[in-house]
Amino acid sequence: MTVNAIVGFANLGILLALLSVYAKIYKNTKAQFTIGLMFFVGLLILQNIITVYAYFAMSPLYAIGLLPYFLGIHIAELAGLSVLLRITLM
């Protein structure tokens, strides 16, 4: 459970970095596409906040057998967000 929360926090960090970069791009270009990116990132931030909160608030309700699958999902999300951040910063 703790590892899932740590990976969730890492996802939040990357998402906040992406949101910051997209906001700077929008400020400089006023491109409508970046508004969509900021909305997308905002929804992912909301999803990760709810997920991390749920790990702490509802931990007795989660079956232990599900935790490795949740971790796999979070690691896949972390990998995808890392690639997106890398491409965005290029």
PDB file of N, CA and C in Angstrom:
ATOM      1  N   MET A   1       0.817  -1.189   0.000  1.00  0.00           N
ATOM      2  CA  MET A   1       0.000   0.000   0.000  1.00  0.00           C
ATOM      3  C   MET A   1       0.864   1.258   0.000  1.00  0.00           C
ATOM      4  N   THR A   2       1.909   1.248   0.806  1.00  0.00           N
ATOM      5  CA  THR A   2       2.794   2.409   0.893  1.00  0.00           C
ATOM      6  C   THR A   2       3.519   2.652  -0.422  1.00  0.00           C
ATOM      7  N   VAL A   3       3.960   1.583  -1.073  1.00  0.00           N
ATOM      8  CA  VAL A   3       4.659   1.724  -2.350  1.00  0.00           C
ATOM      9  C   VAL A   3       3.713   2.314  -3.392  1.00  0.00           C
ATOM     10  N   ASN A   4       2.472   1.878  -3.392  1.00  0.00           N
ATOM     11  CA  ASN A   4       1.480   2.440  -4.314  1.00  0.00           C
ATOM     12  C   ASN A   4       1.309   3.936  -4.081  1.00  0.00           C
ATOM     13  N   ALA A   5       1.247   4.338  -2.818  1.00  0.00           N
ATOM     14  CA  ALA A   5       1.093   5.758  -2.502  1.00  0.00           C
ATOM     15  C   ALA A   5       2.326   6.549  -2.936  1.00  0.00           C
ATOM     16  N   ILE A   6       3.515   5.988  -2.755  1.00  0.00           N
ATOM     17  CA  ILE A   6       4.744   6.679  -3.160  1.00  0.00           C
ATOM     18  C   ILE A   6       4.772   6.887  -4.670  1.00  0.00           C
ATOM     19  N   VAL A   7       4.411   5.853  -5.416  1.00  0.00           N
ATOM     20  CA  VAL A   7       4.376   5.983  -6.882  1.00  0.00           C
ATOM     21  C   VAL A   7       3.286   6.979  -7.286  1.00  0.00           C
ATOM     22  N   GLY A   8       2.177   6.991  -6.563  1.00  0.00           N
ATOM     23  CA  GLY A   8       1.118   7.973  -6.819  1.00  0.00           C
ATOM     24  C   GLY A   8       1.606   9.400  -6.600  1.00  0.00           C
ATOM     25  N   PHE A   9       2.395   9.609  -5.538  1.00  0.00           N
ATOM     26  CA  PHE A   9       2.972  10.931  -5.286  1.00  0.00           C
ATOM     27  C   PHE A   9       3.977  11.310  -6.374  1.00  0.00           C
ATOM     28  N   ALA A  10       4.730  10.343  -6.860  1.00  0.00           N
ATOM     29  CA  ALA A  10       5.668  10.609  -7.961  1.00  0.00           C
ATOM     30  C   ALA A  10       4.900  11.034  -9.206  1.00  0.00           C
ATOM     31  N   ASN A  11       3.788  10.363  -9.472  1.00  0.00           N
ATOM     32  CA  ASN A  11       2.937  10.751 -10.603  1.00  0.00           C
ATOM     33  C   ASN A  11       2.436  12.180 -10.429  1.00  0.00           C
ATOM     34  N   LEU A  12       2.047  12.528  -9.206  1.00  0.00           N
ATOM     35  CA  LEU A  12       1.586  13.886  -8.945  1.00  0.00           C
ATOM     36  C   LEU A  12       2.691  14.913  -9.214  1.00  0.00           C
ATOM     37  N   GLY A  13       3.906  14.590  -8.819  1.00  0.00           N
ATOM     38  CA  GLY A  13       5.024  15.498  -9.065  1.00  0.00           C
ATOM     39  C   GLY A  13       5.242  15.749 -10.548  1.00  0.00           C
ATOM     40  N   ILE A  14       5.213  14.685 -11.331  1.00  0.00           N
ATOM     41  CA  ILE A  14       5.392  14.830 -12.782  1.00  0.00           C
ATOM     42  C   ILE A  14       4.223  15.609 -13.385  1.00  0.00           C
ATOM     43  N   LEU A  15       3.019  15.333 -12.926  1.00  0.00           N
ATOM     44  CA  LEU A  15       1.853  16.039 -13.449  1.00  0.00           C
ATOM     45  C   LEU A  15       1.902  17.530 -13.124  1.00  0.00           C
ATOM     46  N   LEU A  16       2.351  17.873 -11.932  1.00  0.00           N
ATOM     47  CA  LEU A  16       2.482  19.284 -11.584  1.00  0.00           C
ATOM     48  C   LEU A  16       3.549  19.959 -12.439  1.00  0.00           C
ATOM     49  N   ALA A  17       4.635  19.243 -12.729  1.00  0.00           N
ATOM     50  CA  ALA A  17       5.667  19.791 -13.616  1.00  0.00           C
ATOM     51  C   ALA A  17       5.104  20.009 -15.017  1.00  0.00           C
ATOM     52  N   LEU A  18       4.335  19.046 -15.520  1.00  0.00           N
ATOM     53  CA  LEU A  18       3.711  19.194 -16.830  1.00  0.00           C
ATOM     54  C   LEU A  18       2.742  20.373 -16.856  1.00  0.00           C
ATOM     55  N   LEU A  19       1.951  20.508 -15.802  1.00  0.00           N
ATOM     56  CA  LEU A  19       1.002  21.613 -15.737  1.00  0.00           C
ATOM     57  C   LEU A  19       1.736  22.955 -15.769  1.00  0.00           C
ATOM     58  N   SER A  20       2.831  23.031 -15.067  1.00  0.00           N
ATOM     59  CA  SER A  20       3.630  24.257 -15.055  1.00  0.00           C
ATOM     60  C   SER A  20       4.188  24.571 -16.443  1.00  0.00           C
ATOM     61  N   VAL A  21       4.719  23.569 -17.103  1.00  0.00           N
ATOM     62  CA  VAL A  21       5.271  23.766 -18.449  1.00  0.00           C
ATOM     63  C   VAL A  21       4.169  24.187 -19.415  1.00  0.00           C
ATOM     64  N   TYR A  22       3.023  23.517 -19.350  1.00  0.00           N
ATOM     65  CA  TYR A  22       1.928  23.854 -20.256  1.00  0.00           C
ATOM     66  C   TYR A  22       1.406  25.265 -19.992  1.00  0.00           C
ATOM     67  N   ALA A  23       1.359  25.659 -18.726  1.00  0.00           N
ATOM     68  CA  ALA A  23       0.911  27.019 -18.399  1.00  0.00           C
ATOM     69  C   ALA A  23       1.867  28.058 -18.976  1.00  0.00           C
ATOM     70  N   LYS A  24       3.164  27.792 -18.894  1.00  0.00           N
ATOM     71  CA  LYS A  24       4.148  28.720 -19.478  1.00  0.00           C
ATOM     72  C   LYS A  24       4.009  28.782 -20.991  1.00  0.00           C
ATOM     73  N   ILE A  25       3.774  27.632 -21.614  1.00  0.00           N
ATOM     74  CA  ILE A  25       3.586  27.609 -23.072  1.00  0.00           C
ATOM     75  C   ILE A  25       2.346  28.412 -23.445  1.00  0.00           C
ATOM     76  N   TYR A  26       1.263  28.211 -22.691  1.00  0.00           N
ATOM     77  CA  TYR A  26       0.038  28.954 -22.993  1.00  0.00           C
ATOM     78  C   TYR A  26       0.249  30.452 -22.807  1.00  0.00           C
ATOM     79  N   LYS A  27       0.957  30.832 -21.754  1.00  0.00           N
ATOM     80  CA  LYS A  27       1.219  32.250 -21.500  1.00  0.00           C
ATOM     81  C   LYS A  27       1.977  32.893 -22.661  1.00  0.00           C
ATOM     82  N   ASN A  28       2.910  32.150 -23.247  1.00  0.00           N
ATOM     83  CA  ASN A  28       3.723  32.688 -24.333  1.00  0.00           C
ATOM     84  C   ASN A  28       3.043  32.630 -25.692  1.00  0.00           C
ATOM     85  N   THR A  29       2.213  31.618 -25.929  1.00  0.00           N
ATOM     86  CA  THR A  29       1.673  31.409 -27.273  1.00  0.00           C
ATOM     87  C   THR A  29       0.169  31.619 -27.390  1.00  0.00           C
ATOM     88  N   LYS A  30      -0.554  31.497 -26.304  1.00  0.00           N
ATOM     89  CA  LYS A  30      -2.024  31.547 -26.300  1.00  0.00           C
ATOM     90  C   LYS A  30      -2.634  30.467 -27.198  1.00  0.00           C
ATOM     91  N   ALA A  31      -1.911  29.384 -27.389  1.00  0.00           N
ATOM     92  CA  ALA A  31      -2.397  28.273 -28.217  1.00  0.00           C
ATOM     93  C   ALA A  31      -3.515  27.532 -27.483  1.00  0.00           C
ATOM     94  N   GLN A  32      -4.619  27.302 -28.172  1.00  0.00           N
ATOM     95  CA  GLN A  32      -5.770  26.638 -27.586  1.00  0.00           C
ATOM     96  C   GLN A  32      -5.468  25.179 -27.218  1.00  0.00           C
ATOM     97  N   PHE A  33      -4.564  24.566 -27.956  1.00  0.00           N
ATOM     98  CA  PHE A  33      -4.208  23.167 -27.709  1.00  0.00           C
ATOM     99  C   PHE A  33      -3.681  22.986 -26.284  1.00  0.00           C
ATOM    100  N   THR A  34      -2.922  23.960 -25.798  1.00  0.00           N
ATOM    101  CA  THR A  34      -2.348  23.831 -24.459  1.00  0.00           C
ATOM    102  C   THR A  34      -3.423  23.909 -23.378  1.00  0.00           C
ATOM    103  N   ILE A  35      -4.541  24.570 -23.668  1.00  0.00           N
ATOM    104  CA  ILE A  35      -5.648  24.563 -22.701  1.00  0.00           C
ATOM    105  C   ILE A  35      -6.170  23.138 -22.539  1.00  0.00           C
ATOM    106  N   GLY A  36      -6.283  22.426 -23.645  1.00  0.00           N
ATOM    107  CA  GLY A  36      -6.704  21.027 -23.588  1.00  0.00           C
ATOM    108  C   GLY A  36      -5.717  20.170 -22.818  1.00  0.00           C
ATOM    109  N   LEU A  37      -4.426  20.421 -23.026  1.00  0.00           N
ATOM    110  CA  LEU A  37      -3.405  19.676 -22.283  1.00  0.00           C
ATOM    111  C   LEU A  37      -3.491  19.971 -20.786  1.00  0.00           C
ATOM    112  N   MET A  38      -3.707  21.234 -20.444  1.00  0.00           N
ATOM    113  CA  MET A  38      -3.825  21.595 -19.029  1.00  0.00           C
ATOM    114  C   MET A  38      -5.064  20.964 -18.402  1.00  0.00           C
ATOM    115  N   PHE A  39      -6.155  20.901 -19.141  1.00  0.00           N
ATOM    116  CA  PHE A  39      -7.372  20.254 -18.651  1.00  0.00           C
ATOM    117  C   PHE A  39      -7.127  18.765 -18.425  1.00  0.00           C
ATOM    118  N   PHE A  40      -6.472  18.129 -19.388  1.00  0.00           N
ATOM    119  CA  PHE A  40      -6.141  16.707 -19.292  1.00  0.00           C
ATOM    120  C   PHE A  40      -5.264  16.431 -18.071  1.00  0.00           C
ATOM    121  N   VAL A  41      -4.224  17.236 -17.903  1.00  0.00           N
ATOM    122  CA  VAL A  41      -3.323  17.068 -16.759  1.00  0.00           C
ATOM    123  C   VAL A  41      -4.076  17.329 -15.455  1.00  0.00           C
ATOM    124  N   GLY A  42      -4.960  18.318 -15.454  1.00  0.00           N
ATOM    125  CA  GLY A  42      -5.746  18.606 -14.254  1.00  0.00           C
ATOM    126  C   GLY A  42      -6.614  17.426 -13.833  1.00  0.00           C
ATOM    127  N   LEU A  43      -7.212  16.763 -14.807  1.00  0.00           N
ATOM    128  CA  LEU A  43      -8.022  15.582 -14.485  1.00  0.00           C
ATOM    129  C   LEU A  43      -7.148  14.435 -13.961  1.00  0.00           C
ATOM    130  N   LEU A  44      -5.976  14.270 -14.530  1.00  0.00           N
ATOM    131  CA  LEU A  44      -5.072  13.230 -14.027  1.00  0.00           C
ATOM    132  C   LEU A  44      -4.588  13.554 -12.617  1.00  0.00           C
ATOM    133  N   ILE A  45      -4.369  14.834 -12.334  1.00  0.00           N
ATOM    134  CA  ILE A  45      -3.994  15.232 -10.970  1.00  0.00           C
ATOM    135  C   ILE A  45      -5.119  14.876 -10.006  1.00  0.00           C
ATOM    136  N   LEU A  46      -6.347  15.214 -10.377  1.00  0.00           N
ATOM    137  CA  LEU A  46      -7.501  14.885  -9.534  1.00  0.00           C
ATOM    138  C   LEU A  46      -7.599  13.380  -9.299  1.00  0.00           C
ATOM    139  N   GLN A  47      -7.418  12.607 -10.349  1.00  0.00           N
ATOM    140  CA  GLN A  47      -7.474  11.143 -10.224  1.00  0.00           C
ATOM    141  C   GLN A  47      -6.401  10.625  -9.276  1.00  0.00           C
ATOM    142  N   ASN A  48      -5.188  11.151  -9.375  1.00  0.00           N
ATOM    143  CA  ASN A  48      -4.109  10.687  -8.510  1.00  0.00           C
ATOM    144  C   ASN A  48      -4.314  11.125  -7.069  1.00  0.00           C
ATOM    145  N   ILE A  49      -4.846  12.316  -6.843  1.00  0.00           N
ATOM    146  CA  ILE A  49      -5.134  12.761  -5.473  1.00  0.00           C
ATOM    147  C   ILE A  49      -6.175  11.851  -4.839  1.00  0.00           C
ATOM    148  N   ILE A  50      -7.228  11.553  -5.578  1.00  0.00           N
ATOM    149  CA  ILE A  50      -8.271  10.662  -5.054  1.00  0.00           C
ATOM    150  C   ILE A  50      -7.710   9.275  -4.784  1.00  0.00           C
ATOM    151  N   THR A  51      -6.869   8.781  -5.677  1.00  0.00           N
ATOM    152  CA  THR A  51      -6.291   7.447  -5.508  1.00  0.00           C
ATOM    153  C   THR A  51      -5.400   7.374  -4.273  1.00  0.00           C
ATOM    154  N   VAL A  52      -4.514   8.338  -4.113  1.00  0.00           N
ATOM    155  CA  VAL A  52      -3.614   8.325  -2.949  1.00  0.00           C
ATOM    156  C   VAL A  52      -4.425   8.473  -1.661  1.00  0.00           C
ATOM    157  N   TYR A  53      -5.412   9.356  -1.672  1.00  0.00           N
ATOM    158  CA  TYR A  53      -6.276   9.506  -0.498  1.00  0.00           C
ATOM    159  C   TYR A  53      -6.987   8.187  -0.176  1.00  0.00           C
ATOM    160  N   ALA A  54      -7.474   7.523  -1.216  1.00  0.00           N
ATOM    161  CA  ALA A  54      -8.183   6.256  -1.006  1.00  0.00           C
ATOM    162  C   ALA A  54      -7.271   5.192  -0.410  1.00  0.00           C
ATOM    163  N   TYR A  55      -5.996   5.199  -0.795  1.00  0.00           N
ATOM    164  CA  TYR A  55      -5.073   4.217  -0.215  1.00  0.00           C
ATOM    165  C   TYR A  55      -4.971   4.390   1.290  1.00  0.00           C
ATOM    166  N   PHE A  56      -4.960   5.626   1.741  1.00  0.00           N
ATOM    167  CA  PHE A  56      -4.837   5.856   3.179  1.00  0.00           C
ATOM    168  C   PHE A  56      -6.174   5.748   3.904  1.00  0.00           C
ATOM    169  N   ALA A  57      -7.224   6.251   3.313  1.00  0.00           N
ATOM    170  CA  ALA A  57      -8.523   6.277   3.983  1.00  0.00           C
ATOM    171  C   ALA A  57      -9.239   4.926   3.956  1.00  0.00           C
ATOM    172  N   MET A  58      -9.019   4.151   2.905  1.00  0.00           N
ATOM    173  CA  MET A  58      -9.764   2.907   2.754  1.00  0.00           C
ATOM    174  C   MET A  58      -8.860   1.678   2.713  1.00  0.00           C
ATOM    175  N   SER A  59      -7.685   1.782   3.281  1.00  0.00           N
ATOM    176  CA  SER A  59      -6.737   0.666   3.202  1.00  0.00           C
ATOM    177  C   SER A  59      -7.284  -0.661   3.744  1.00  0.00           C
ATOM    178  N   PRO A  60      -8.106  -0.667   4.788  1.00  0.00           N
ATOM    179  CA  PRO A  60      -8.627  -1.971   5.244  1.00  0.00           C
ATOM    180  C   PRO A  60      -9.568  -2.638   4.240  1.00  0.00           C
ATOM    181  N   LEU A  61     -10.100  -1.873   3.319  1.00  0.00           N
ATOM    182  CA  LEU A  61     -11.071  -2.424   2.377  1.00  0.00           C
ATOM    183  C   LEU A  61     -10.430  -3.063   1.148  1.00  0.00           C
ATOM    184  N   TYR A  62      -9.149  -2.758   0.909  1.00  0.00           N
ATOM    185  CA  TYR A  62      -8.464  -3.312  -0.258  1.00  0.00           C
ATOM    186  C   TYR A  62      -7.980  -4.727   0.027  1.00  0.00           C
ATOM    187  N   ALA A  63      -8.237  -5.621  -0.906  1.00  0.00           N
ATOM    188  CA  ALA A  63      -7.713  -6.985  -0.781  1.00  0.00           C
ATOM    189  C   ALA A  63      -6.219  -6.957  -1.107  1.00  0.00           C
ATOM    190  N   ILE A  64      -5.428  -7.652  -0.330  1.00  0.00           N
ATOM    191  CA  ILE A  64      -3.977  -7.670  -0.507  1.00  0.00           C
ATOM    192  C   ILE A  64      -3.610  -8.154  -1.906  1.00  0.00           C
ATOM    193  N   GLY A  65      -4.368  -9.059  -2.450  1.00  0.00           N
ATOM    194  CA  GLY A  65      -4.085  -9.603  -3.778  1.00  0.00           C
ATOM    195  C   GLY A  65      -4.209  -8.591  -4.906  1.00  0.00           C
ATOM    196  N   LEU A  66      -4.933  -7.502  -4.656  1.00  0.00           N
ATOM    197  CA  LEU A  66      -5.109  -6.484  -5.690  1.00  0.00           C
ATOM    198  C   LEU A  66      -3.942  -5.497  -5.748  1.00  0.00           C
ATOM    199  N   LEU A  67      -3.201  -5.357  -4.667  1.00  0.00           N
ATOM    200  CA  LEU A  67      -2.168  -4.325  -4.585  1.00  0.00           C
ATOM    201  C   LEU A  67      -1.092  -4.432  -5.660  1.00  0.00           C
ATOM    202  N   PRO A  68      -0.615  -5.625  -6.024  1.00  0.00           N
ATOM    203  CA  PRO A  68       0.369  -5.674  -7.111  1.00  0.00           C
ATOM    204  C   PRO A  68      -0.180  -5.173  -8.446  1.00  0.00           C
ATOM    205  N   TYR A  69      -1.458  -5.394  -8.689  1.00  0.00           N
ATOM    206  CA  TYR A  69      -2.067  -4.905  -9.927  1.00  0.00           C
ATOM    207  C   TYR A  69      -2.169  -3.381  -9.915  1.00  0.00           C
ATOM    208  N   PHE A  70      -2.543  -2.832  -8.764  1.00  0.00           N
ATOM    209  CA  PHE A  70      -2.580  -1.370  -8.637  1.00  0.00           C
ATOM    210  C   PHE A  70      -1.190  -0.782  -8.839  1.00  0.00           C
ATOM    211  N   LEU A  71      -0.182  -1.455  -8.281  1.00  0.00           N
ATOM    212  CA  LEU A  71       1.191  -0.972  -8.438  1.00  0.00           C
ATOM    213  C   LEU A  71       1.599  -1.009  -9.911  1.00  0.00           C
ATOM    214  N   GLY A  72       1.228  -2.062 -10.612  1.00  0.00           N
ATOM    215  CA  GLY A  72       1.533  -2.148 -12.043  1.00  0.00           C
ATOM    216  C   GLY A  72       0.895  -1.014 -12.827  1.00  0.00           C
ATOM    217  N   ILE A  73      -0.342  -0.684 -12.483  1.00  0.00           N
ATOM    218  CA  ILE A  73      -1.036   0.417 -13.149  1.00  0.00           C
ATOM    219  C   ILE A  73      -0.312   1.735 -12.876  1.00  0.00           C
ATOM    220  N   HIS A  74       0.075   1.950 -11.631  1.00  0.00           N
ATOM    221  CA  HIS A  74       0.755   3.200 -11.266  1.00  0.00           C
ATOM    222  C   HIS A  74       2.142   3.302 -11.908  1.00  0.00           C
ATOM    223  N   ILE A  75       2.838   2.200 -11.990  1.00  0.00           N
ATOM    224  CA  ILE A  75       4.161   2.223 -12.627  1.00  0.00           C
ATOM    225  C   ILE A  75       4.026   2.480 -14.124  1.00  0.00           C
ATOM    226  N   ALA A  76       3.026   1.886 -14.747  1.00  0.00           N
ATOM    227  CA  ALA A  76       2.790   2.150 -16.174  1.00  0.00           C
ATOM    228  C   ALA A  76       2.448   3.624 -16.395  1.00  0.00           C
ATOM    229  N   GLU A  77       1.638   4.195 -15.507  1.00  0.00           N
ATOM    230  CA  GLU A  77       1.300   5.612 -15.598  1.00  0.00           C
ATOM    231  C   GLU A  77       2.543   6.471 -15.387  1.00  0.00           C
ATOM    232  N   LEU A  78       3.374   6.094 -14.429  1.00  0.00           N
ATOM    233  CA  LEU A  78       4.617   6.828 -14.167  1.00  0.00           C
ATOM    234  C   LEU A  78       5.528   6.795 -15.385  1.00  0.00           C
ATOM    235  N   ALA A  79       5.634   5.657 -16.024  1.00  0.00           N
ATOM    236  CA  ALA A  79       6.467   5.544 -17.231  1.00  0.00           C
ATOM    237  C   ALA A  79       5.916   6.425 -18.347  1.00  0.00           C
ATOM    238  N   GLY A  80       4.623   6.372 -18.571  1.00  0.00           N
ATOM    239  CA  GLY A  80       4.008   7.185 -19.614  1.00  0.00           C
ATOM    240  C   GLY A  80       4.152   8.672 -19.348  1.00  0.00           C
ATOM    241  N   LEU A  81       3.935   9.086 -18.119  1.00  0.00           N
ATOM    242  CA  LEU A  81       4.080  10.499 -17.771  1.00  0.00           C
ATOM    243  C   LEU A  81       5.527  10.961 -17.875  1.00  0.00           C
ATOM    244  N   SER A  82       6.454  10.080 -17.517  1.00  0.00           N
ATOM    245  CA  SER A  82       7.871  10.423 -17.635  1.00  0.00           C
ATOM    246  C   SER A  82       8.262  10.660 -19.090  1.00  0.00           C
ATOM    247  N   VAL A  83       7.782   9.805 -19.970  1.00  0.00           N
ATOM    248  CA  VAL A  83       8.056   9.976 -21.398  1.00  0.00           C
ATOM    249  C   VAL A  83       7.410  11.271 -21.901  1.00  0.00           C
ATOM    250  N   LEU A  84       6.180  11.533 -21.488  1.00  0.00           N
ATOM    251  CA  LEU A  84       5.500  12.757 -21.902  1.00  0.00           C
ATOM    252  C   LEU A  84       6.251  13.998 -21.432  1.00  0.00           C
ATOM    253  N   LEU A  85       6.717  13.988 -20.188  1.00  0.00           N
ATOM    254  CA  LEU A  85       7.492  15.123 -19.674  1.00  0.00           C
ATOM    255  C   LEU A  85       8.787  15.286 -20.435  1.00  0.00           C
ATOM    256  N   ARG A  86       9.457  14.189 -20.722  1.00  0.00           N
ATOM    257  CA  ARG A  86      10.718  14.247 -21.475  1.00  0.00           C
ATOM    258  C   ARG A  86      10.499  14.828 -22.872  1.00  0.00           C
ATOM    259  N   ILE A  87       9.471  14.365 -23.541  1.00  0.00           N
ATOM    260  CA  ILE A  87       9.171  14.856 -24.889  1.00  0.00           C
ATOM    261  C   ILE A  87       8.773  16.334 -24.837  1.00  0.00           C
ATOM    262  N   THR A  88       8.018  16.706 -23.834  1.00  0.00           N
ATOM    263  CA  THR A  88       7.579  18.089 -23.695  1.00  0.00           C
ATOM    264  C   THR A  88       8.757  19.029 -23.472  1.00  0.00           C
ATOM    265  N   LEU A  89       9.752  18.572 -22.726  1.00  0.00           N
ATOM    266  CA  LEU A  89      10.905  19.415 -22.410  1.00  0.00           C
ATOM    267  C   LEU A  89      11.936  19.471 -23.528  1.00  0.00           C
ATOM    268  N   MET A  90      11.784  18.634 -24.541  1.00  0.00           N
ATOM    269  CA  MET A  90      12.746  18.652 -25.657  1.00  0.00           C
ATOM    270  C   MET A  90      12.569  19.866 -26.523  1.00  0.00           C
TER     271      MET A  90
END
